[in-house]
Amino acid sequence: MSVEAAGRAPMMSLRELVNRYRALVAEYGDEVPLSGFDLTHAEIEQIFSGYDEDYHISRFFHFAEKDGEKFLIDGVAATHVAIDGEIETIF
């Protein structure tokens, strides 16, 4: 793994990230502000960018830019995320 890739590697397991998401929403598919994940700005950008770079994972994540704190997720501005329930098929 290159130094650059190591710097982008997620520091939270996918299951833990999804569990945090589930604690914030009523059901899969609901949007939640990225700032609600109780992580630093840098951690949110690093974790979500790392998972967004993996096609098998990123297809379950749906980012939106609305009112709220903006983050750069893999270079694209986003404020909210919704996760598809089918993500559980890859745990």
Protein backbone atom coordinates (compact mmCIF):
# COMPACT_ATOMS: atom_id res chain seq x y z
CA MET A 1 0.00 0.00 0.00
CA SER A 2 1.38 3.40 -0.95
CA VAL A 3 1.85 6.11 1.68
CA GLU A 4 -0.95 8.08 0.01
CA ALA A 5 -3.32 5.10 0.11
CA ALA A 6 -2.42 4.39 3.73
CA GLY A 7 -3.31 7.99 4.58
CA ARG A 8 -6.78 7.47 3.08
CA ALA A 9 -7.45 4.04 4.57
CA PRO A 10 -10.59 4.02 6.71
CA MET A 11 -9.87 4.00 10.44
CA MET A 12 -13.29 2.60 11.33
CA SER A 13 -14.71 -0.73 10.27
CA LEU A 14 -17.58 -0.67 7.82
CA ARG A 15 -19.82 -2.43 10.34
CA GLU A 16 -19.05 0.22 12.99
CA LEU A 17 -19.75 3.03 10.52
CA VAL A 18 -23.06 1.45 9.50
CA ASN A 19 -23.97 0.92 13.17
CA ARG A 20 -23.39 4.63 13.80
CA TYR A 21 -25.56 5.46 10.81
CA ARG A 22 -28.34 3.14 12.05
CA ALA A 23 -28.27 4.86 15.45
CA LEU A 24 -28.97 8.19 13.71
CA VAL A 25 -31.84 7.20 11.39
CA ALA A 26 -35.23 5.51 11.58
CA GLU A 27 -34.45 3.18 8.67
CA TYR A 28 -31.95 2.52 5.92
CA GLY A 29 -32.15 5.06 3.13
CA ASP A 30 -32.81 8.01 5.44
CA GLU A 31 -30.42 10.92 5.02
CA VAL A 32 -28.34 12.04 7.95
CA PRO A 33 -25.91 14.96 8.26
CA LEU A 34 -22.32 13.79 8.08
CA SER A 35 -21.62 16.00 11.08
CA GLY A 36 -23.90 13.73 13.13
CA PHE A 37 -21.36 10.90 13.19
CA ASP A 38 -19.58 12.40 16.23
CA LEU A 39 -16.19 12.44 14.50
CA THR A 40 -13.81 15.25 13.64
CA HIS A 41 -14.11 16.95 10.28
CA ALA A 42 -10.90 15.27 9.11
CA GLU A 43 -12.04 11.83 10.30
CA ILE A 44 -15.35 12.11 8.45
CA GLU A 45 -13.60 13.10 5.23
CA GLN A 46 -10.99 10.35 5.58
CA ILE A 47 -13.37 7.53 6.53
CA PHE A 48 -16.07 8.26 3.97
CA SER A 49 -13.53 9.03 1.23
CA GLY A 50 -11.77 5.74 1.90
CA TYR A 51 -15.00 3.77 1.57
CA ASP A 52 -16.14 5.86 -1.40
CA GLU A 53 -13.06 4.72 -3.32
CA ASP A 54 -14.17 1.07 -3.11
CA TYR A 55 -16.87 0.36 -5.72
CA HIS A 56 -18.25 -2.62 -3.81
CA ILE A 57 -18.92 -0.36 -0.84
CA SER A 58 -19.54 3.05 -2.42
CA ARG A 59 -22.58 1.88 -4.40
CA PHE A 60 -24.48 1.69 -1.10
CA PHE A 61 -23.60 5.26 -0.07
CA HIS A 62 -25.58 8.22 -1.43
CA PHE A 63 -24.11 11.62 -0.65
CA ALA A 64 -25.99 14.90 -0.97
CA GLU A 65 -25.05 18.55 -0.64
CA LYS A 66 -27.64 20.48 1.35
CA ASP A 67 -27.58 23.03 4.14
CA GLY A 68 -25.07 22.17 6.81
CA GLU A 69 -21.39 21.60 7.40
CA LYS A 70 -19.65 20.69 4.14
CA PHE A 71 -17.15 17.88 3.80
CA LEU A 72 -15.04 16.78 0.85
CA ILE A 73 -15.77 13.13 0.21
CA ASP A 74 -13.28 11.87 -2.34
CA GLY A 75 -13.00 15.46 -3.62
CA VAL A 76 -16.76 16.11 -3.89
CA ALA A 77 -18.64 18.40 -1.48
CA ALA A 78 -21.27 16.68 0.65
CA THR A 79 -23.27 17.44 3.77
CA HIS A 80 -25.49 14.34 4.12
CA VAL A 81 -25.37 10.61 3.48
CA ALA A 82 -27.96 7.86 3.07
CA ILE A 83 -26.97 4.21 3.15
CA ASP A 84 -28.83 1.36 1.45
CA GLY A 85 -29.79 -1.60 3.64
CA GLU A 86 -28.25 -3.98 1.12
CA ILE A 87 -24.86 -2.93 2.50
CA GLU A 88 -25.36 -5.69 5.07
CA THR A 89 -24.81 -8.25 2.27
CA ILE A 90 -21.10 -7.41 2.27
CA PHE A 91 -20.41 -7.72 6.02
